[in-house]
Amino acid sequence: MPTDVHLPRLGRSVSPPLEALPERVLQFGTGALLRGLPDAFIDDANRAGFDAGRVVMVGSTGSGRTQVLGDQDGLYTLCIRGLREGERVDETRVIGSVSRAVAASDDWPAVLDLARSPDLALIVSNTTEVGIADDPEDRPDLDPPRSFPGKLAAVLSTRAESVGYRGGDVVILPCELIDGNGDRLREIVLAHAERWHLDRRFAEWLDRSVTFCNTLVDRIVPGTPDDLPALYDRVGYTDDLLTVAEPYRLWAIEGGADLATRLPLTGLDGIVVTDDLTPYRERKVRILNGGHTATVPTALLCGLSTVGAAMDDEVVGPFIRRLIRDEVVPSLDIDLAMAAAFADDVIERFANPFVDHALRDITFQQTAKLGVRVAPSVRRYWEKMEEAPPLLCVGVAAFLSATRPGEIHGLAADAAADDWRARWEGVDPTDEAALRAFAAAALRMWDLEVVAEPVADALVAIERDGCRAVVASCFDA
C-alpha cells in the first residue's frame, strides 16, 4: 500500500488511545468487514461508557495485517463514505478498540492464554463462508489446529479446563455469511470434542456457559480508495489499514432478553438483538441481494457498467427503484413497513457516489443467485397479487438474453455457462416462436412457469427492440 514519507504513521504518538480497558474480546480474523463493523461497534460502545473492552485479533491467513496492527499500536482509521438521508457523508475517525493482534501460526500459546482470562466475554469471527466447515483430520495437538472450528474448540476446551468446568461464560458471535452460523459452528465444535476425546464435562459446560449466536451482518466495506494519498493528507498521517465503509450498518444477533442485557453493545444504533433473524435475513436476501440480481443484467444490456451509473440513468434508475419498492417489497411475508424502510436504505446505498461497484462483479454465479434471490419474489408476488410482476419479468428476460453466446454483455463466471450454451444452440433470436420455447424451458429450472408468457414477451421485445427501449416502455402510460 502506498505511503507518503512526509507524513507520520498512525500510532499512539499521532492519536493517543482511550483509557486502557480489559481485553474482553477474542476475534478470529483481521479483515476489512471486521474492522468496519464489529470493531467499530465495540469502539462506539467503549466511547459510550458500555465497557465492551478491547479486542485481540487473531490472524490466520498470513496477510501481514497482524504486523501492521502492531506497528500502529492497534489503531486504524475508519472512513465513512456514502449517503445518509440524501446527504453526502465523508467522515474519518481513529478506531481504538483493538489492543493487539496475534498471528496464530507464530504465537498460539498467547491465544490460549487469553482463553483462560476471566475478562474474556465475547468471541467474534469472520473466516469467510468456507471457514465454518468441519475438518475431520484436524487435531488438538497441532499448534494451532488448522481449521477455525478446530481453533475455537481448542480455545473453549482450554477455557473450560481453566475454570474447572464451572463458569467462564462467553458469547460467540460468528459473522460468516451463512444461515445458522452459530448453530453450525456449535455442531462442529461438538464434533471435534467427540473426535478428540475431550473431557466428558466439556459438552455439559458448553451447554451451560457458552452461547453460540446466529447473526447477520450487513455493511459494504469497499477496498482501498483511489484517493488514498489525498486522504492521508487530510488526516495528517499514513495508515496501512485505513478502512472505508458505507454509513449503513447492521449487526443482527439472535437471542432473547437475557442475551440483550449481557451484551455490552445493546442500545447502539445498528445493533439488533432479536429472537428471530428470519425477517432480517429475508429482507436482505430479497431486497438488497435480489435487487442487485434482478436488475444488473438489465443495466448491462442498457450499456452501463456500475451500480452508481445505473442508479443515475434516466431509464434504468427508475426501473431499479420501482422494481424494489413496487414488486419486491409487496412480495415479502414480513412486516411491510419494516421492508419498505429497508428498501429505501438499499436504494440510497446503491446510489453511493463513493463506490464504483462494477455490475459485472455482481453477475458471478447469476443462475444460482436468481433462483434464491429473485424467483421467490416472482412466485410470491404472483400468489399475492394474482398477476405477474412486470418489472421482475423484464429483469428475468434480460438475464436470459444476456446468457446468449456471443452476447454475454459482461456476465461473470457461472457454473451453468455450458448449460446456457447448449440451451441457445439452434435458437434463432429473431424467431419469436423459438424464443418463447427457449424462455418456457429455461424458467422451469426456477419453478417460474406461471410467468412464462410475460417473460417470453419481454425476451422477444429485448431481442427485437433492445433492452433500453423495453425498460423505457415499462413506464409508458
Protein backbone atom coordinates (compact mmCIF):
# COMPACT_ATOMS: atom_id res chain seq x y z
CA MET A 1 0.00 0.00 0.00
CA PRO A 2 1.45 3.41 -0.90
CA THR A 3 2.62 5.73 1.84
CA ASP A 4 3.78 9.34 1.97
CA VAL A 5 7.20 9.59 3.61
CA HIS A 6 6.47 13.20 4.59
CA LEU A 7 3.66 12.17 6.96
CA PRO A 8 3.96 10.26 10.25
CA ARG A 9 2.49 6.81 10.56
CA LEU A 10 -0.66 6.30 12.64
CA GLY A 11 0.17 5.19 16.15
CA ARG A 12 -0.07 6.30 19.76
CA SER A 13 2.14 9.31 19.11
CA VAL A 14 -0.32 10.56 16.47
CA SER A 15 -3.60 9.54 18.12
CA PRO A 16 -3.43 8.68 21.82
CA PRO A 17 -5.78 5.78 22.62
CA LEU A 18 -8.71 5.90 25.02
CA GLU A 19 -8.21 4.77 28.59
CA ALA A 20 -7.00 1.18 28.62
CA LEU A 21 -9.75 -1.37 29.11
CA PRO A 22 -9.53 -5.12 29.76
CA GLU A 23 -9.18 -7.46 26.79
CA ARG A 24 -12.71 -8.83 26.69
CA VAL A 25 -12.99 -9.80 23.01
CA LEU A 26 -11.14 -12.54 21.11
CA GLN A 27 -11.56 -12.06 17.38
CA PHE A 28 -10.67 -14.61 14.71
CA GLY A 29 -9.92 -12.55 11.62
CA THR A 30 -8.37 -9.17 10.83
CA GLY A 31 -10.18 -8.30 7.60
CA ALA A 32 -11.99 -5.19 6.45
CA LEU A 33 -15.51 -6.33 7.40
CA LEU A 34 -14.48 -6.95 10.99
CA ARG A 35 -12.66 -3.63 11.18
CA GLY A 36 -15.57 -1.82 9.56
CA LEU A 37 -18.39 -3.36 11.59
CA PRO A 38 -17.81 -5.31 14.87
CA ASP A 39 -14.64 -3.46 15.88
CA ALA A 40 -16.27 -0.11 15.09
CA PHE A 41 -19.31 -1.08 17.18
CA ILE A 42 -17.03 -2.06 20.07
CA ASP A 43 -15.24 1.28 19.78
CA ASP A 44 -18.62 3.05 19.88
CA ALA A 45 -19.63 1.05 22.95
CA ASN A 46 -16.43 1.97 24.77
CA ARG A 47 -16.83 5.65 23.92
CA ALA A 48 -20.41 5.47 25.22
CA GLY A 49 -19.18 4.02 28.52
CA PHE A 50 -20.55 0.49 27.95
CA ASP A 51 -17.14 -1.07 28.75
CA ALA A 52 -17.16 -3.56 25.88
CA GLY A 53 -13.41 -3.91 26.39
CA ARG A 54 -10.61 -4.24 23.90
CA VAL A 55 -10.21 -6.70 21.05
CA VAL A 56 -7.38 -9.15 20.50
CA MET A 57 -7.29 -10.05 16.83
CA VAL A 58 -6.08 -13.46 15.70
CA GLY A 59 -4.75 -13.64 12.16
CA SER A 60 -4.54 -16.95 10.33
CA THR A 61 -4.11 -16.09 6.65
CA GLY A 62 -0.57 -14.72 6.62
CA SER A 63 -1.82 -11.39 5.25
CA GLY A 64 0.66 -9.36 7.27
CA ARG A 65 -2.09 -7.35 8.96
CA THR A 66 -1.04 -8.55 12.42
CA GLN A 67 2.37 -6.93 11.92
CA VAL A 68 0.80 -3.70 10.64
CA LEU A 69 -1.55 -3.58 13.62
CA GLY A 70 1.43 -4.00 15.91
CA ASP A 71 3.32 -1.22 14.15
CA GLN A 72 0.26 1.05 14.51
CA ASP A 73 -0.40 0.21 18.18
CA GLY A 74 -3.67 -1.47 17.23
CA LEU A 75 -5.06 1.75 15.75
CA TYR A 76 -6.60 2.24 12.32
CA THR A 77 -8.73 4.81 10.55
CA LEU A 78 -12.36 4.24 9.63
CA CYS A 79 -13.61 6.39 6.78
CA ILE A 80 -17.41 6.54 6.46
CA ARG A 81 -18.45 7.45 2.92
CA GLY A 82 -21.85 7.45 1.26
CA LEU A 83 -25.29 8.94 1.64
CA ARG A 84 -27.22 9.44 4.84
CA GLU A 85 -30.80 10.65 4.36
CA GLY A 86 -29.79 12.02 0.98
CA GLU A 87 -26.76 13.96 2.24
CA ARG A 88 -23.18 13.09 1.30
CA VAL A 89 -21.11 11.76 4.18
CA ASP A 90 -17.30 11.69 4.20
CA GLU A 91 -16.04 11.31 7.77
CA THR A 92 -12.92 9.82 9.34
CA ARG A 93 -12.14 8.67 12.87
CA VAL A 94 -9.50 6.55 14.56
CA ILE A 95 -10.74 3.23 15.95
CA GLY A 96 -9.12 2.38 19.26
CA SER A 97 -10.90 -0.82 20.23
CA VAL A 98 -8.07 -3.16 19.18
CA SER A 99 -5.49 -3.92 21.84
CA ARG A 100 -3.18 -6.13 19.81
CA ALA A 101 -3.02 -8.71 17.05
CA VAL A 102 -1.59 -12.20 17.23
CA ALA A 103 -0.61 -14.50 14.38
CA ALA A 104 -1.97 -17.92 15.27
CA SER A 105 0.87 -19.66 13.46
CA ASP A 106 3.51 -17.73 15.41
CA ASP A 107 2.07 -17.45 18.92
CA TRP A 108 -0.76 -19.89 19.54
CA PRO A 109 0.06 -20.06 23.29
CA ALA A 110 -0.86 -16.35 23.52
CA VAL A 111 -4.32 -17.16 22.16
CA LEU A 112 -4.76 -19.95 24.69
CA ASP A 113 -3.64 -17.60 27.47
CA LEU A 114 -6.46 -15.24 26.52
CA ALA A 115 -8.85 -18.20 26.60
CA ARG A 116 -8.01 -18.57 30.29
CA SER A 117 -8.60 -14.90 31.07
CA PRO A 118 -11.50 -14.13 33.43
CA ASP A 119 -12.07 -10.90 31.44
CA LEU A 120 -12.93 -12.71 28.20
CA ALA A 121 -16.62 -12.25 27.37
CA LEU A 122 -17.01 -12.31 23.58
CA ILE A 123 -15.57 -14.32 20.71
CA VAL A 124 -16.11 -12.84 17.25
CA SER A 125 -15.16 -14.29 13.89
CA ASN A 126 -15.26 -13.76 10.16
CA THR A 127 -13.31 -16.51 8.46
CA THR A 128 -15.36 -16.34 5.20
CA GLU A 129 -18.23 -18.66 4.39
CA VAL A 130 -15.90 -21.65 3.96
CA GLY A 131 -14.34 -21.05 7.37
CA ILE A 132 -17.21 -22.72 9.22
CA ALA A 133 -16.51 -26.19 7.87
CA ASP A 134 -15.78 -29.47 9.57
CA ASP A 135 -12.28 -30.82 9.05
CA PRO A 136 -12.29 -34.42 10.35
CA GLU A 137 -8.49 -34.56 10.06
CA ASP A 138 -7.90 -31.59 12.35
CA ARG A 139 -6.09 -32.42 15.59
CA PRO A 140 -5.80 -30.82 19.03
CA ASP A 141 -2.04 -31.40 19.17
CA LEU A 142 -1.41 -29.11 16.21
CA ASP A 143 -0.01 -25.69 17.06
CA PRO A 144 -2.51 -24.34 16.13
CA PRO A 145 -5.31 -26.61 14.82
CA ARG A 146 -5.65 -25.87 11.12
CA SER A 147 -9.38 -25.04 10.84
CA PHE A 148 -11.24 -22.20 12.52
CA PRO A 149 -13.69 -24.53 14.31
CA GLY A 150 -10.70 -26.58 15.45
CA LYS A 151 -9.02 -23.48 16.85
CA LEU A 152 -12.25 -22.50 18.57
CA ALA A 153 -12.67 -25.97 20.06
CA ALA A 154 -9.14 -25.76 21.45
CA VAL A 155 -9.80 -22.29 22.89
CA LEU A 156 -13.03 -23.38 24.55
CA SER A 157 -11.51 -26.60 25.87
CA THR A 158 -8.66 -24.60 27.40
CA ARG A 159 -11.14 -22.19 28.97
CA ALA A 160 -13.30 -24.99 30.36
CA GLU A 161 -10.29 -26.63 31.98
CA SER A 162 -9.07 -23.32 33.41
CA VAL A 163 -12.38 -22.69 35.24
CA GLY A 164 -12.85 -26.29 36.33
CA TYR A 165 -15.90 -26.59 34.07
CA ARG A 166 -17.75 -24.03 36.20
CA GLY A 167 -18.50 -20.50 35.00
CA GLY A 168 -16.30 -18.77 32.46
CA ASP A 169 -19.34 -17.70 30.45
CA VAL A 170 -18.67 -16.44 26.94
CA VAL A 171 -20.82 -15.37 23.98
CA ILE A 172 -19.78 -16.36 20.47
CA LEU A 173 -20.78 -14.08 17.57
CA PRO A 174 -19.75 -15.54 14.20
CA CYS A 175 -20.07 -13.05 11.33
CA GLU A 176 -19.64 -15.54 8.47
CA LEU A 177 -22.39 -15.08 5.89
CA ILE A 178 -24.13 -18.43 6.17
CA ASP A 179 -27.56 -19.21 7.59
CA GLY A 180 -27.46 -20.52 11.13
CA ASN A 181 -23.78 -19.66 11.51
CA GLY A 182 -23.82 -20.01 15.30
CA ASP A 183 -25.73 -23.29 15.28
CA ARG A 184 -23.42 -24.76 12.65
CA LEU A 185 -20.30 -23.66 14.49
CA ARG A 186 -21.54 -25.26 17.72
CA GLU A 187 -22.21 -28.55 15.89
CA ILE A 188 -18.66 -28.66 14.54
CA VAL A 189 -17.10 -27.79 17.90
CA LEU A 190 -19.01 -30.66 19.50
CA ALA A 191 -17.92 -32.98 16.67
CA HIS A 192 -14.30 -32.06 17.38
CA ALA A 193 -14.84 -32.65 21.09
CA GLU A 194 -16.06 -36.16 20.39
CA ARG A 195 -13.28 -36.99 17.92
CA TRP A 196 -10.63 -35.51 20.20
CA HIS A 197 -11.98 -37.39 23.24
CA LEU A 198 -12.21 -34.22 25.31
CA ASP A 199 -13.28 -34.45 28.95
CA ARG A 200 -16.90 -35.61 29.16
CA ARG A 201 -17.67 -32.46 31.19
CA PHE A 202 -16.81 -30.26 28.23
CA ALA A 203 -20.11 -30.72 26.38
CA GLU A 204 -22.06 -30.04 29.58
CA TRP A 205 -20.01 -26.88 30.23
CA LEU A 206 -20.59 -25.78 26.64
CA ASP A 207 -24.35 -26.04 27.16
CA ARG A 208 -24.25 -24.05 30.41
CA SER A 209 -21.61 -21.44 29.77
CA VAL A 210 -21.19 -20.82 26.03
CA THR A 211 -23.82 -19.03 23.97
CA PHE A 212 -23.46 -19.57 20.22
CA CYS A 213 -25.48 -16.87 18.46
CA ASN A 214 -26.76 -16.87 14.92
CA THR A 215 -26.01 -13.47 13.44
CA LEU A 216 -26.47 -11.40 10.31
CA VAL A 217 -24.08 -8.61 9.35
CA ASP A 218 -24.76 -6.00 6.69
CA ARG A 219 -22.36 -3.28 5.69
CA ILE A 220 -20.50 -2.62 2.46
CA VAL A 221 -16.79 -2.27 3.21
CA PRO A 222 -15.05 -1.50 -0.13
CA GLY A 223 -11.37 -1.93 -0.87
CA THR A 224 -8.60 0.66 -0.86
CA PRO A 225 -9.95 4.02 -2.07
CA ASP A 226 -8.49 5.58 -5.21
CA ASP A 227 -7.82 8.85 -3.40
CA LEU A 228 -5.75 7.32 -0.60
CA PRO A 229 -2.91 9.90 -0.83
CA ALA A 230 -5.44 12.72 -0.53
CA LEU A 231 -7.00 11.00 2.48
CA TYR A 232 -3.57 10.75 4.10
CA ASP A 233 -3.04 14.46 3.54
CA ARG A 234 -6.43 15.20 5.03
CA VAL A 235 -5.92 13.22 8.25
CA GLY A 236 -2.23 14.14 8.56
CA TYR A 237 -0.73 10.65 8.79
CA THR A 238 -0.40 7.40 6.86
CA ASP A 239 -2.36 4.29 7.76
CA ASP A 240 -1.80 0.95 6.07
CA LEU A 241 -5.12 -0.33 7.45
CA LEU A 242 -7.35 2.62 6.55
CA THR A 243 -10.82 1.10 6.18
CA VAL A 244 -13.67 2.57 4.13
CA ALA A 245 -17.28 1.70 4.98
CA GLU A 246 -20.71 2.95 3.98
CA PRO A 247 -22.85 4.77 6.58
CA TYR A 248 -25.42 1.95 6.80
CA ARG A 249 -24.62 -0.78 9.31
CA LEU A 250 -26.47 -3.69 10.86
CA TRP A 251 -25.40 -6.42 13.25
CA ALA A 252 -28.47 -8.53 13.98
CA ILE A 253 -27.96 -11.11 16.73
CA GLU A 254 -30.38 -13.89 17.55
CA GLY A 255 -31.19 -14.15 21.23
CA GLY A 256 -33.63 -13.24 23.95
CA ALA A 257 -33.85 -10.57 26.61
CA ASP A 258 -31.17 -12.25 28.75
CA LEU A 259 -28.64 -12.01 25.92
CA ALA A 260 -29.58 -8.38 25.28
CA THR A 261 -28.75 -7.48 28.88
CA ARG A 262 -25.43 -9.35 28.74
CA LEU A 263 -24.14 -7.81 25.51
CA PRO A 264 -22.27 -4.53 26.02
CA LEU A 265 -23.39 -3.46 22.53
CA THR A 266 -27.15 -3.41 23.11
CA GLY A 267 -28.59 0.05 22.52
CA LEU A 268 -26.15 1.14 19.81
CA ASP A 269 -27.67 2.27 16.52
CA GLY A 270 -27.40 -0.69 14.15
CA ILE A 271 -27.32 -3.40 16.84
CA VAL A 272 -30.43 -5.58 16.88
CA VAL A 273 -30.97 -8.41 19.36
CA THR A 274 -33.96 -10.45 18.25
CA ASP A 275 -35.44 -13.86 18.93
CA ASP A 276 -35.89 -14.40 15.16
CA LEU A 277 -33.42 -13.39 12.44
CA THR A 278 -35.77 -14.53 9.67
CA PRO A 279 -37.22 -11.14 8.71
CA TYR A 280 -33.78 -9.52 8.69
CA ARG A 281 -32.34 -12.28 6.53
CA GLU A 282 -35.39 -12.31 4.26
CA ARG A 283 -35.30 -8.60 3.56
CA LYS A 284 -31.54 -8.64 2.91
CA VAL A 285 -31.67 -11.59 0.51
CA ARG A 286 -34.75 -10.44 -1.36
CA ILE A 287 -34.34 -6.65 -1.35
CA LEU A 288 -30.60 -5.99 -1.25
CA ASN A 289 -29.19 -9.09 -2.92
CA GLY A 290 -32.30 -9.71 -5.02
CA GLY A 291 -32.43 -6.08 -6.10
CA HIS A 292 -28.94 -6.45 -7.50
CA THR A 293 -29.55 -9.83 -9.14
CA ALA A 294 -32.86 -8.78 -10.72
CA THR A 295 -31.58 -5.55 -12.26
CA VAL A 296 -27.91 -5.97 -13.13
CA PRO A 297 -28.42 -7.82 -16.45
CA THR A 298 -30.89 -5.11 -17.48
CA ALA A 299 -28.37 -2.38 -16.67
CA LEU A 300 -25.61 -4.20 -18.57
CA LEU A 301 -27.81 -4.64 -21.64
CA CYS A 302 -28.54 -0.91 -21.45
CA GLY A 303 -24.83 -0.19 -21.82
CA LEU A 304 -23.98 0.63 -18.20
CA SER A 305 -21.03 -0.65 -16.16
CA THR A 306 -21.51 0.32 -12.49
CA VAL A 307 -24.34 0.33 -9.96
CA GLY A 308 -23.93 4.07 -9.49
CA ALA A 309 -24.26 4.70 -13.22
CA ALA A 310 -27.37 2.53 -13.28
CA MET A 311 -28.95 4.50 -10.43
CA ASP A 312 -28.18 7.78 -12.19
CA ASP A 313 -29.51 6.61 -15.56
CA GLU A 314 -32.80 8.28 -16.53
CA VAL A 315 -34.31 4.97 -17.64
CA VAL A 316 -32.60 2.28 -15.56
CA GLY A 317 -32.62 4.23 -12.27
CA PRO A 318 -36.43 4.47 -12.08
CA PHE A 319 -36.65 0.82 -13.18
CA ILE A 320 -34.50 -0.30 -10.22
CA ARG A 321 -36.34 1.85 -7.70
CA ARG A 322 -39.79 0.78 -8.80
CA LEU A 323 -38.87 -2.90 -9.11
CA ILE A 324 -37.68 -2.91 -5.49
CA ARG A 325 -40.42 -0.75 -3.99
CA ASP A 326 -43.42 -1.88 -6.05
CA GLU A 327 -42.70 -5.55 -6.63
CA VAL A 328 -40.08 -7.00 -4.28
CA VAL A 329 -41.34 -5.33 -1.09
CA PRO A 330 -45.01 -6.34 -1.60
CA SER A 331 -43.93 -9.93 -2.25
CA LEU A 332 -42.42 -10.32 1.21
CA ASP A 333 -44.15 -12.06 4.11
CA ILE A 334 -42.62 -9.85 6.78
CA ASP A 335 -43.73 -6.53 8.25
CA LEU A 336 -44.12 -4.40 5.12
CA ALA A 337 -43.31 -1.13 6.88
CA MET A 338 -40.01 -2.67 8.02
CA ALA A 339 -39.39 -3.95 4.48
CA ALA A 340 -40.23 -0.59 2.88
CA ALA A 341 -37.88 1.29 5.21
CA PHE A 342 -35.08 -1.15 4.41
CA ALA A 343 -35.83 -0.78 0.69
CA ASP A 344 -35.32 2.98 0.99
CA ASP A 345 -31.99 2.33 2.72
CA VAL A 346 -30.96 -0.10 -0.03
CA ILE A 347 -31.82 2.34 -2.80
CA GLU A 348 -29.73 5.02 -1.07
CA ARG A 349 -26.87 2.54 -0.65
CA PHE A 350 -26.99 1.62 -4.35
CA ALA A 351 -26.62 5.34 -5.15
CA ASN A 352 -23.47 5.74 -3.01
CA PRO A 353 -21.30 8.18 -5.03
CA PHE A 354 -18.09 6.94 -3.42
CA VAL A 355 -18.39 3.29 -4.54
CA ASP A 356 -17.75 2.17 -8.12
CA HIS A 357 -19.45 -1.23 -7.81
CA ALA A 358 -18.94 -3.00 -11.13
CA LEU A 359 -22.11 -4.60 -12.48
CA ARG A 360 -20.09 -7.44 -13.94
CA ASP A 361 -18.82 -8.43 -10.47
CA ILE A 362 -22.39 -8.87 -9.24
CA THR A 363 -23.22 -11.37 -12.00
CA PHE A 364 -20.94 -14.07 -10.57
CA GLN A 365 -22.96 -17.33 -10.45
CA GLN A 366 -26.04 -15.41 -11.53
CA THR A 367 -28.06 -18.51 -12.43
CA ALA A 368 -27.99 -19.88 -8.89
CA LYS A 369 -28.47 -16.46 -7.34
CA LEU A 370 -31.57 -15.80 -9.40
CA GLY A 371 -33.15 -18.96 -8.05
CA VAL A 372 -32.52 -17.97 -4.42
CA ARG A 373 -32.89 -14.19 -4.53
CA VAL A 374 -35.37 -13.37 -7.30
CA ALA A 375 -37.56 -16.38 -8.12
CA PRO A 376 -39.20 -16.38 -4.64
CA SER A 377 -40.22 -12.74 -5.12
CA VAL A 378 -41.72 -13.50 -8.53
CA ARG A 379 -43.68 -16.51 -7.26
CA ARG A 380 -44.92 -14.81 -4.09
CA TYR A 381 -45.97 -11.67 -5.97
CA TRP A 382 -47.99 -13.86 -8.35
CA GLU A 383 -49.63 -15.64 -5.42
CA LYS A 384 -50.47 -12.46 -3.53
CA MET A 385 -51.44 -10.18 -6.43
CA GLU A 386 -52.76 -12.84 -8.80
CA GLU A 387 -50.75 -11.31 -11.63
CA ALA A 388 -47.17 -11.29 -12.85
CA PRO A 389 -44.73 -8.64 -11.59
CA PRO A 390 -43.93 -6.81 -14.85
CA LEU A 391 -40.55 -5.33 -13.93
CA LEU A 392 -39.24 -8.52 -12.37
CA CYS A 393 -40.29 -10.34 -15.52
CA VAL A 394 -38.26 -7.87 -17.59
CA GLY A 395 -35.30 -8.45 -15.27
CA VAL A 396 -35.54 -12.22 -15.74
CA ALA A 397 -35.88 -11.81 -19.51
CA ALA A 398 -32.79 -9.56 -19.56
CA PHE A 399 -30.82 -12.27 -17.81
CA LEU A 400 -31.98 -14.85 -20.37
CA SER A 401 -30.90 -12.52 -23.18
CA ALA A 402 -27.53 -11.92 -21.54
CA THR A 403 -26.76 -15.65 -21.45
CA ARG A 404 -26.84 -15.91 -25.24
CA PRO A 405 -23.39 -16.97 -26.56
CA GLY A 406 -21.62 -14.04 -28.14
CA GLU A 407 -23.87 -11.63 -26.29
CA ILE A 408 -22.64 -12.11 -22.76
CA HIS A 409 -22.58 -8.35 -22.11
CA GLY A 410 -20.14 -8.65 -19.25
CA LEU A 411 -21.63 -11.54 -17.24
CA ALA A 412 -19.05 -13.10 -14.95
CA ALA A 413 -18.32 -16.78 -14.36
CA ASP A 414 -21.35 -19.03 -13.96
CA ALA A 415 -21.33 -22.76 -13.25
CA ALA A 416 -24.30 -23.05 -15.65
CA ALA A 417 -22.48 -21.45 -18.59
CA ASP A 418 -22.22 -24.73 -20.55
CA ASP A 419 -25.90 -25.40 -19.96
CA TRP A 420 -26.83 -21.98 -21.34
CA ARG A 421 -24.70 -22.55 -24.44
CA ALA A 422 -26.49 -25.84 -25.01
CA ARG A 423 -29.90 -24.23 -24.48
CA TRP A 424 -29.18 -21.48 -27.00
CA GLU A 425 -27.81 -23.87 -29.63
CA GLY A 426 -30.07 -23.72 -32.66
CA VAL A 427 -32.23 -20.90 -31.27
CA ASP A 428 -32.63 -18.02 -33.73
CA PRO A 429 -33.01 -14.81 -31.67
CA THR A 430 -35.13 -13.34 -34.46
CA ASP A 431 -37.57 -16.26 -34.32
CA GLU A 432 -40.35 -15.36 -31.88
CA ALA A 433 -41.63 -18.92 -31.51
CA ALA A 434 -38.11 -20.22 -30.80
CA LEU A 435 -37.54 -17.53 -28.16
CA ARG A 436 -40.82 -18.34 -26.44
CA ALA A 437 -39.99 -22.04 -26.33
CA PHE A 438 -36.50 -21.21 -25.01
CA ALA A 439 -37.92 -19.00 -22.24
CA ALA A 440 -40.54 -21.55 -21.20
CA ALA A 441 -37.93 -24.31 -20.91
CA ALA A 442 -35.45 -22.08 -19.04
CA LEU A 443 -37.99 -20.89 -16.48
CA ARG A 444 -38.68 -24.43 -15.35
CA MET A 445 -35.30 -24.56 -13.60
CA TRP A 446 -36.55 -21.88 -11.15
CA ASP A 447 -40.20 -23.07 -10.99
CA LEU A 448 -41.34 -19.91 -12.75
CA GLU A 449 -43.69 -21.44 -15.32
CA VAL A 450 -46.51 -19.15 -14.10
CA VAL A 451 -44.76 -16.14 -15.64
CA ALA A 452 -43.64 -17.86 -18.85
CA GLU A 453 -45.78 -15.64 -21.07
CA PRO A 454 -44.75 -12.18 -19.74
CA VAL A 455 -41.08 -13.20 -19.54
CA ALA A 456 -41.23 -14.51 -23.11
CA ASP A 457 -42.93 -11.28 -24.22
CA ALA A 458 -40.12 -9.27 -22.66
CA LEU A 459 -37.42 -11.51 -24.13
CA VAL A 460 -38.87 -11.18 -27.63
CA ALA A 461 -39.06 -7.40 -27.23
CA ILE A 462 -35.48 -7.16 -25.91
CA GLU A 463 -34.12 -9.15 -28.84
CA ARG A 464 -36.18 -7.12 -31.31
CA ASP A 465 -36.01 -3.57 -29.92
CA GLY A 466 -33.13 -3.56 -27.43
CA CYS A 467 -33.27 -3.59 -23.64
CA ARG A 468 -33.31 0.19 -23.16
CA ALA A 469 -36.43 0.55 -25.28
CA VAL A 470 -38.15 -2.25 -23.36
CA VAL A 471 -37.29 -0.73 -19.98
CA ALA A 472 -38.48 2.70 -21.12
CA SER A 473 -41.77 1.18 -22.28
CA CYS A 474 -42.42 -0.08 -18.73
CA PHE A 475 -43.24 3.49 -17.72
CA ASP A 476 -45.49 4.36 -20.65
CA ALA A 477 -48.96 5.38 -19.56
